[in-house]
Amino acid sequence: MILSPKKRMLFISSKKPFPVQDGASIRTMQMFRMLSQFYDIDLIYVCSDREGADITSMQSLNIQSCKGFYLPKWKSLIQTGCALFSKKPLQCAYFFSKKMDKYVRSHIDNYDYVFCNNIRTASYVINKSECLRWIDFVDAISMNYQGAASKHGFPMKLIYKEEAHRLLNMEIMLTTAFDKALIISDVDSDYIRQHSPSHIKGITVVPNSVEVPNESIVQSDGFNIVFVGSMFYDPNIVAVSIFAKNIFPLILKKYPDAKFYIVGNRPAEKVKKLACENIIVTGFVNDPKDYLRQSNIVVAPMYSGAGVQNKILEAMSMGCCVVTTPIGAEGLGPVVNGREIIIEDSYEKMAEEIIRLFSDKQLRQELGRNAKIYVTNKFSFNKVFQDFTEKVIDQ
C-alpha cells in the first residue's frame, strides 16, 4: 500500500540544491520530484554563502519550507584539518554544520521520515529519533576516491586512499544503521557489497532519469568534439586533461581542423591552461545543449569517478554520437559497444574510433538513434519513477 501523502519528511542536503547546475543537484531535484508525490517535505541544507535558495524552484515540488545554514569555508577547512586525526571521512567533516545539527536534534521528532541526500549528511541523524531514516548514497563515493588515487601522485595519492578507506567503512555502517539505502547503479551497489560483511542490508538501485526531448541532433560534416560537465569536479578535470594531451593530438594528425569544446562552469586552472586554437574552454554557458546540438561526437573519457554519468545520458537522449571509456559506461547497464555507444579504454583506440566516426556520418546517425531509444526505454523519468514507487515506496 502506498504511504499517505500526509506523512512529513525532513530532507537534509549537504549543499544548496538550487539552481540545478551539476550532477549532484540533478540527483537532488529528481529525489524531490519523486518523494513529493508521497510526502510533505521540509528542506534544510548547508551553504557557503548567505543567499537563500530560489523559492520559485520549489513551488512545483511540494516543498513546504526551506532553511539554509551558513557554513563559511574557513570553518569547513578547520573542521577538515581536525578530522585528519580521526576516522571520520574528511568530506563529512568539511560539510558539517553544528547549527544544523542542533536544529535537527530539536526538530527531528516532528517527522515521520528523514532523508539524507548523501553520506555527508548521515551524521546528523545517526542514533537520533525513532523516525524512519533513508539515505541516498548516490554513488559509491569510496570507489570514486579509490579510482582517483590511481590517477594522482604523492601526496594526494595517500590522501585519496585514506579517504576511500574511511568512506567505505562509513558506507558499510550506514547500510545497517538506516532503514533504507538507495544508490545510483548496480556497479556502485556491488562495490559496497563486495567489501561488506554478509549481513549487509539491501541497497536499492535508483538510477538518474533524463528528460528525453522530441528533438534529435542533425549530424553535419564538421569535426566538433564536445565534453560537457562541471569543470571543477576532479574526475572531469582528469578526463579532459587526458583527452587533450593524449588522444586529441592523434586526431589532429588526421583532421587538423577538429575542435574540442570543453563546456562547463567553474573550470579549474588546469583546464583553462588547455585552451588553444583547437581547444575551446567555454566556462559557464546558459544551455550546454546548444553545444551538444552542434557536436559531431560527444566524448566522456572517464578514467575515474563513479555512478551514472548524467553527461552521457543527456547526450544519448538527444541522439548524439557518444564515445566513452568502460568507467564512463559502467553505470548505464547492458549497452552494446558499437550499437548505442562506443566504448574504448586505450588512448590510441579511442582516437582511431573518433577518426572512423568523423568519416562516417551514417554510422554517427545510427549510433545516435539507437542511443535515444535505449535511454527512453531505461532512463526516462516515467520509467525510473515507476520503479522507484515499486521498489522503495511500496516496500
Protein backbone atom coordinates (compact mmCIF):
# COMPACT_ATOMS: atom_id res chain seq x y z
CA MET A 1 0.00 0.00 0.00
CA ILE A 2 1.31 3.47 -0.89
CA LEU A 3 2.04 5.57 2.19
CA SER A 4 -0.15 8.57 2.97
CA PRO A 5 0.88 11.85 1.33
CA LYS A 6 0.20 13.50 4.71
CA LYS A 7 3.36 11.98 6.17
CA ARG A 8 6.12 14.51 6.88
CA MET A 9 9.68 14.15 5.66
CA LEU A 10 12.78 16.12 6.61
CA PHE A 11 15.14 16.30 3.63
CA ILE A 12 18.77 17.06 4.56
CA SER A 13 21.16 18.31 1.88
CA SER A 14 24.88 18.95 2.15
CA LYS A 15 24.58 21.98 -0.13
CA LYS A 16 22.04 24.37 -1.60
CA PRO A 17 20.25 22.37 -4.30
CA PHE A 18 19.17 25.28 -6.48
CA PRO A 19 19.92 26.32 -9.17
CA VAL A 20 20.41 22.96 -10.84
CA GLN A 21 23.91 23.15 -12.34
CA ASP A 22 25.65 19.82 -11.78
CA GLY A 23 25.10 16.11 -11.35
CA ALA A 24 24.55 16.38 -7.59
CA SER A 25 21.78 18.95 -7.91
CA ILE A 26 20.20 16.99 -10.78
CA ARG A 27 20.01 13.96 -8.49
CA THR A 28 18.59 16.04 -5.63
CA MET A 29 15.95 17.57 -7.90
CA GLN A 30 14.91 14.12 -9.09
CA MET A 31 14.51 12.91 -5.50
CA PHE A 32 12.42 15.98 -4.63
CA ARG A 33 10.23 15.36 -7.66
CA MET A 34 9.58 11.73 -6.76
CA LEU A 35 9.31 11.98 -2.97
CA SER A 36 6.98 15.00 -3.12
CA GLN A 37 4.34 12.76 -4.73
CA PHE A 38 4.02 10.95 -1.38
CA TYR A 39 5.26 13.24 1.40
CA ASP A 40 5.21 16.83 2.61
CA ILE A 41 8.87 17.83 2.57
CA ASP A 42 10.81 20.33 4.65
CA LEU A 43 14.27 21.03 3.27
CA ILE A 44 17.35 22.03 5.22
CA TYR A 45 20.79 22.48 3.69
CA VAL A 46 24.33 23.73 4.32
CA CYS A 47 25.64 26.62 2.25
CA SER A 48 28.90 28.56 1.97
CA ASP A 49 27.10 31.80 1.11
CA ARG A 50 24.28 33.71 2.76
CA GLU A 51 21.95 33.71 -0.23
CA GLY A 52 18.78 31.68 0.18
CA ALA A 53 17.59 29.01 -2.21
CA ASP A 54 15.35 30.01 -5.10
CA ILE A 55 11.83 29.62 -3.71
CA THR A 56 10.29 29.60 -7.19
CA SER A 57 12.17 26.38 -7.93
CA MET A 58 10.30 24.63 -5.11
CA GLN A 59 6.71 25.60 -5.84
CA SER A 60 6.08 22.59 -8.07
CA LEU A 61 7.88 20.15 -5.74
CA ASN A 62 5.61 20.25 -2.67
CA ILE A 63 8.46 21.57 -0.50
CA GLN A 64 6.73 23.07 2.50
CA SER A 65 9.65 25.00 3.96
CA CYS A 66 13.31 25.64 3.29
CA LYS A 67 16.07 26.64 5.70
CA GLY A 68 19.76 27.14 4.95
CA PHE A 69 22.63 27.03 7.45
CA TYR A 70 25.60 29.21 6.62
CA LEU A 71 28.96 27.46 6.98
CA PRO A 72 31.94 29.64 5.99
CA LYS A 73 34.73 27.94 4.07
CA TRP A 74 37.35 28.81 6.69
CA LYS A 75 35.40 26.86 9.29
CA SER A 76 35.00 23.91 6.89
CA LEU A 77 38.75 23.84 6.34
CA ILE A 78 39.47 23.88 10.08
CA GLN A 79 37.00 21.03 10.65
CA THR A 80 38.62 19.05 7.86
CA GLY A 81 42.07 19.56 9.36
CA CYS A 82 40.88 18.33 12.74
CA ALA A 83 39.30 15.26 11.10
CA LEU A 84 42.71 14.14 9.86
CA PHE A 85 43.32 12.79 13.36
CA SER A 86 40.06 10.83 13.47
CA LYS A 87 38.46 8.03 11.46
CA LYS A 88 35.76 10.30 10.04
CA PRO A 89 35.69 10.93 6.28
CA LEU A 90 37.20 14.32 5.57
CA GLN A 91 34.33 15.44 3.37
CA CYS A 92 31.83 14.68 6.12
CA ALA A 93 33.79 16.99 8.41
CA TYR A 94 34.03 19.65 5.71
CA PHE A 95 30.25 19.88 5.27
CA PHE A 96 29.24 19.51 8.93
CA SER A 97 27.28 22.41 10.44
CA LYS A 98 26.90 22.47 14.23
CA LYS A 99 23.97 24.84 13.87
CA MET A 100 22.17 22.45 11.55
CA ASP A 101 22.97 19.55 13.87
CA LYS A 102 21.36 21.44 16.75
CA TYR A 103 18.33 22.21 14.57
CA VAL A 104 17.92 18.55 13.61
CA ARG A 105 18.13 17.39 17.21
CA SER A 106 15.39 19.80 18.28
CA HIS A 107 13.04 19.18 15.33
CA ILE A 108 13.52 15.61 14.13
CA ASP A 109 10.77 14.16 16.31
CA ASN A 110 8.26 16.20 14.32
CA TYR A 111 8.84 14.00 11.27
CA ASP A 112 7.82 10.54 10.15
CA TYR A 113 10.83 10.22 7.82
CA VAL A 114 14.22 11.81 7.38
CA PHE A 115 16.01 11.62 4.04
CA CYS A 116 19.77 12.18 3.78
CA ASN A 117 20.80 13.03 0.23
CA ASN A 118 24.34 11.66 0.56
CA ILE A 119 26.87 10.28 3.01
CA ARG A 120 27.87 13.81 4.11
CA THR A 121 24.53 14.34 5.86
CA ALA A 122 24.19 10.98 7.60
CA SER A 123 25.88 12.01 10.86
CA TYR A 124 23.02 14.42 11.64
CA VAL A 125 20.61 11.55 12.25
CA ILE A 126 22.73 8.61 13.41
CA ASN A 127 21.28 7.35 16.70
CA LYS A 128 18.66 10.12 16.72
CA SER A 129 14.87 9.75 16.98
CA GLU A 130 12.54 6.91 16.15
CA CYS A 131 11.58 8.19 12.69
CA LEU A 132 12.43 6.13 9.63
CA ARG A 133 15.78 7.09 8.14
CA TRP A 134 16.60 6.83 4.45
CA ILE A 135 19.86 7.62 2.73
CA ASP A 136 20.70 8.12 -0.91
CA PHE A 137 24.38 7.26 -1.31
CA VAL A 138 24.10 8.49 -4.91
CA ASP A 139 27.50 6.99 -5.87
CA ALA A 140 29.76 4.59 -4.03
CA ILE A 141 32.00 7.54 -3.22
CA SER A 142 34.64 5.20 -1.81
CA MET A 143 35.02 3.65 -5.27
CA ASN A 144 35.33 7.13 -6.75
CA TYR A 145 38.17 8.03 -4.39
CA GLN A 146 39.91 4.70 -4.84
CA GLY A 147 39.94 5.32 -8.58
CA ALA A 148 41.14 8.89 -8.12
CA ALA A 149 44.08 7.66 -6.03
CA SER A 150 45.45 5.77 -9.02
CA LYS A 151 45.50 8.98 -11.10
CA HIS A 152 47.42 11.17 -8.65
CA GLY A 153 50.94 11.26 -7.32
CA PHE A 154 52.24 11.86 -3.81
CA PRO A 155 50.84 13.27 -1.51
CA MET A 156 47.31 13.33 -2.99
CA LYS A 157 47.52 9.61 -3.72
CA LEU A 158 47.82 8.86 0.01
CA ILE A 159 45.03 11.28 0.92
CA TYR A 160 42.65 9.79 -1.63
CA LYS A 161 43.42 6.23 -0.50
CA GLU A 162 42.85 7.10 3.15
CA GLU A 163 39.62 8.92 2.35
CA ALA A 164 38.44 5.96 0.27
CA HIS A 165 39.05 3.64 3.24
CA ARG A 166 37.13 5.90 5.62
CA LEU A 167 34.26 6.34 3.19
CA LEU A 168 33.90 2.61 2.59
CA ASN A 169 33.75 1.90 6.33
CA MET A 170 31.04 4.52 6.70
CA GLU A 171 29.07 3.28 3.69
CA ILE A 172 29.03 -0.24 5.12
CA MET A 173 27.94 1.04 8.53
CA LEU A 174 25.13 3.15 7.09
CA THR A 175 23.56 0.24 5.20
CA THR A 176 22.68 -1.28 8.58
CA ALA A 177 22.09 1.96 10.54
CA PHE A 178 19.48 3.29 8.09
CA ASP A 179 16.10 1.79 7.26
CA LYS A 180 16.54 2.19 3.50
CA ALA A 181 19.60 2.84 1.37
CA LEU A 182 19.49 3.96 -2.27
CA ILE A 183 22.26 4.15 -4.85
CA ILE A 184 22.57 5.12 -8.49
CA SER A 185 23.73 1.91 -10.22
CA ASP A 186 24.38 -1.82 -9.83
CA VAL A 187 28.10 -1.17 -10.20
CA ASP A 188 28.12 1.11 -7.15
CA SER A 189 25.92 -1.25 -5.15
CA ASP A 190 28.12 -4.24 -6.00
CA TYR A 191 31.25 -2.38 -4.91
CA ILE A 192 29.90 -1.79 -1.41
CA ARG A 193 28.53 -5.32 -1.17
CA GLN A 194 31.82 -6.89 -2.23
CA HIS A 195 33.59 -5.14 0.64
CA SER A 196 30.85 -5.74 3.22
CA PRO A 197 30.05 -8.47 5.72
CA SER A 198 27.39 -10.97 4.73
CA HIS A 199 24.70 -9.41 6.93
CA ILE A 200 24.57 -6.14 4.97
CA LYS A 201 21.06 -4.84 4.32
CA GLY A 202 19.75 -4.40 0.81
CA ILE A 203 20.71 -1.38 -1.27
CA THR A 204 18.06 -0.33 -3.78
CA VAL A 205 19.28 0.90 -7.15
CA VAL A 206 17.53 4.09 -8.30
CA PRO A 207 19.21 5.43 -11.45
CA ASN A 208 19.17 9.03 -12.56
CA SER A 209 16.45 9.85 -15.03
CA VAL A 210 16.72 12.12 -18.03
CA GLU A 211 14.14 14.15 -19.90
CA VAL A 212 14.05 12.78 -23.43
CA PRO A 213 13.41 15.65 -25.87
CA ASN A 214 11.46 15.24 -29.07
CA GLU A 215 14.39 16.66 -30.99
CA SER A 216 17.48 14.77 -32.10
CA ILE A 217 20.65 16.43 -33.32
CA VAL A 218 21.23 16.58 -37.05
CA GLN A 219 24.67 15.28 -37.92
CA SER A 220 26.71 17.68 -40.05
CA ASP A 221 30.01 17.12 -41.86
CA GLY A 222 32.03 19.08 -39.30
CA PHE A 223 34.67 17.91 -36.84
CA ASN A 224 33.37 19.14 -33.48
CA ILE A 225 34.08 17.11 -30.34
CA VAL A 226 32.25 18.17 -27.17
CA PHE A 227 32.68 17.37 -23.48
CA VAL A 228 30.03 18.66 -21.05
CA GLY A 229 30.42 18.63 -17.27
CA SER A 230 31.23 20.61 -14.16
CA MET A 231 34.83 21.60 -14.68
CA PHE A 232 35.73 21.92 -11.00
CA TYR A 233 34.95 18.21 -10.46
CA ASP A 234 38.15 16.19 -10.31
CA PRO A 235 37.09 13.19 -12.49
CA ASN A 236 36.03 15.65 -15.22
CA ILE A 237 39.32 17.54 -14.93
CA VAL A 238 41.22 14.26 -15.28
CA ALA A 239 39.05 13.26 -18.26
CA VAL A 240 39.52 16.40 -20.35
CA SER A 241 43.22 16.64 -19.46
CA ILE A 242 43.88 13.09 -20.63
CA PHE A 243 41.85 13.61 -23.80
CA ALA A 244 43.53 16.91 -24.64
CA LYS A 245 47.07 15.65 -24.06
CA ASN A 246 46.95 12.02 -25.16
CA ILE A 247 44.01 11.47 -27.54
CA PHE A 248 43.16 14.72 -29.31
CA PRO A 249 46.68 15.19 -30.79
CA LEU A 250 46.28 11.82 -32.56
CA ILE A 251 43.00 13.04 -34.06
CA LEU A 252 44.53 16.33 -35.19
CA LYS A 253 47.07 14.46 -37.32
CA LYS A 254 44.18 13.23 -39.48
CA TYR A 255 41.80 16.16 -39.01
CA PRO A 256 43.81 19.34 -38.28
CA ASP A 257 40.61 21.43 -38.29
CA ALA A 258 38.98 19.43 -35.49
CA LYS A 259 37.78 21.37 -32.45
CA PHE A 260 37.47 20.14 -28.88
CA TYR A 261 34.91 22.08 -26.81
CA ILE A 262 35.16 21.77 -23.01
CA VAL A 263 31.79 23.01 -21.77
CA GLY A 264 31.12 23.50 -18.07
CA ASN A 265 31.05 26.00 -15.26
CA ARG A 266 33.92 26.97 -12.95
CA PRO A 267 36.78 25.47 -14.99
CA ALA A 268 39.85 24.76 -12.85
CA GLU A 269 43.13 26.45 -13.74
CA LYS A 270 44.42 23.14 -15.06
CA VAL A 271 41.51 23.11 -17.52
CA LYS A 272 41.89 26.75 -18.52
CA LYS A 273 45.50 26.07 -19.48
CA LEU A 274 44.34 23.53 -22.06
CA ALA A 275 42.78 26.28 -24.19
CA CYS A 276 44.39 26.85 -27.58
CA GLU A 277 43.38 27.29 -31.22
CA ASN A 278 41.74 23.84 -31.42
CA ILE A 279 40.61 23.52 -27.79
CA ILE A 280 37.89 25.87 -26.57
CA VAL A 281 37.16 26.16 -22.83
CA THR A 282 33.78 27.87 -22.58
CA GLY A 283 33.24 28.25 -18.85
CA PHE A 284 29.62 28.68 -17.78
CA VAL A 285 27.04 28.62 -20.59
CA ASN A 286 23.29 29.17 -20.28
CA ASP A 287 22.39 25.96 -22.11
CA PRO A 288 25.05 23.25 -22.63
CA LYS A 289 22.63 21.52 -25.00
CA ASP A 290 23.42 24.22 -27.57
CA TYR A 291 26.89 22.69 -27.83
CA LEU A 292 25.51 19.16 -27.97
CA ARG A 293 23.35 20.23 -30.91
CA GLN A 294 26.46 21.42 -32.75
CA SER A 295 28.54 18.37 -31.92
CA ASN A 296 29.59 15.61 -34.25
CA ILE A 297 30.90 13.49 -31.41
CA VAL A 298 30.38 13.79 -27.65
CA VAL A 299 33.22 12.37 -25.56
CA ALA A 300 33.22 11.25 -21.94
CA PRO A 301 36.70 9.76 -21.44
CA MET A 302 36.23 8.96 -17.76
CA TYR A 303 39.19 7.33 -16.05
CA SER A 304 37.89 7.90 -12.51
CA GLY A 305 34.54 8.59 -10.91
CA ALA A 306 31.51 6.52 -10.01
CA GLY A 307 27.82 6.23 -10.75
CA VAL A 308 25.82 7.01 -13.85
CA GLN A 309 27.24 9.89 -15.87
CA ASN A 310 24.49 12.46 -16.41
CA LYS A 311 26.52 14.00 -19.21
CA ILE A 312 26.30 10.71 -21.13
CA LEU A 313 22.57 10.23 -20.50
CA GLU A 314 21.73 13.73 -21.71
CA ALA A 315 23.85 13.36 -24.83
CA MET A 316 22.30 9.98 -25.65
CA SER A 317 18.80 11.34 -25.05
CA MET A 318 19.41 13.93 -27.78
CA GLY A 319 20.63 11.32 -30.23
CA CYS A 320 24.28 12.31 -30.01
CA CYS A 321 27.08 10.01 -31.07
CA VAL A 322 28.90 9.27 -27.78
CA VAL A 323 32.39 7.88 -27.18
CA THR A 324 33.36 6.92 -23.64
CA THR A 325 35.51 4.55 -21.56
CA PRO A 326 34.46 1.44 -19.59
CA ILE A 327 34.30 3.58 -16.42
CA GLY A 328 32.06 6.08 -18.19
CA ALA A 329 29.70 3.33 -19.39
CA GLU A 330 29.63 1.10 -16.33
CA GLY A 331 26.53 2.70 -14.79
CA LEU A 332 24.49 2.58 -17.99
CA GLY A 333 23.54 -1.07 -17.90
CA PRO A 334 23.76 -3.52 -20.81
CA VAL A 335 24.68 -1.18 -23.66
CA VAL A 336 26.27 -2.79 -26.70
CA ASN A 337 29.63 -1.36 -27.74
CA GLY A 338 29.19 -0.15 -31.28
CA ARG A 339 25.40 -0.15 -31.22
CA GLU A 340 24.27 2.54 -28.76
CA ILE A 341 27.66 3.95 -27.79
CA ILE A 342 31.38 3.50 -28.48
CA ILE A 343 33.45 2.24 -25.52
CA GLU A 344 37.26 2.25 -25.67
CA ASP A 345 39.86 2.33 -22.91
CA SER A 346 43.20 2.91 -24.65
CA TYR A 347 44.14 6.34 -25.96
CA GLU A 348 45.08 5.03 -29.40
CA LYS A 349 41.90 3.03 -29.92
CA MET A 350 39.69 5.90 -28.81
CA ALA A 351 41.42 8.20 -31.28
CA GLU A 352 41.01 5.59 -34.04
CA GLU A 353 37.28 5.27 -33.31
CA ILE A 354 36.74 9.03 -33.39
CA ILE A 355 38.62 9.28 -36.68
CA ARG A 356 36.44 6.48 -38.08
CA LEU A 357 33.27 8.22 -36.88
CA PHE A 358 34.31 11.54 -38.41
CA SER A 359 34.48 9.81 -41.79
CA ASP A 360 31.12 8.03 -41.48
CA LYS A 361 28.14 10.33 -40.88
CA GLN A 362 25.68 7.49 -41.39
CA LEU A 363 27.27 5.50 -38.56
CA ARG A 364 27.12 8.53 -36.27
CA GLN A 365 23.42 8.93 -37.05
CA GLU A 366 22.74 5.24 -36.40
CA LEU A 367 24.52 5.32 -33.04
CA GLY A 368 22.55 8.43 -32.07
CA ARG A 369 19.20 6.86 -32.95
CA ASN A 370 19.97 3.70 -31.00
CA ALA A 371 21.22 5.72 -28.03
CA LYS A 372 18.00 7.73 -27.86
CA ILE A 373 15.84 4.59 -27.95
CA TYR A 374 17.94 2.95 -25.23
CA VAL A 375 17.72 5.93 -22.87
CA THR A 376 13.98 6.32 -23.47
CA ASN A 377 13.33 2.69 -22.51
CA LYS A 378 15.61 2.61 -19.47
CA PHE A 379 16.17 6.12 -18.07
CA SER A 380 13.11 8.24 -18.85
CA PHE A 381 11.54 9.82 -15.75
CA ASN A 382 8.33 7.79 -16.07
CA LYS A 383 10.30 4.54 -16.10
CA VAL A 384 12.52 5.50 -13.15
CA PHE A 385 9.56 6.82 -11.14
CA GLN A 386 7.57 3.64 -11.71
CA ASP A 387 10.49 1.51 -10.48
CA PHE A 388 11.07 3.87 -7.52
CA THR A 389 7.44 3.54 -6.44
CA GLU A 390 7.52 -0.25 -6.61
CA LYS A 391 10.96 -0.81 -5.06
CA VAL A 392 11.08 1.96 -2.45
CA ILE A 393 7.68 3.43 -1.57
CA ASP A 394 5.56 0.28 -1.75
CA GLN A 395 8.04 -1.90 0.14
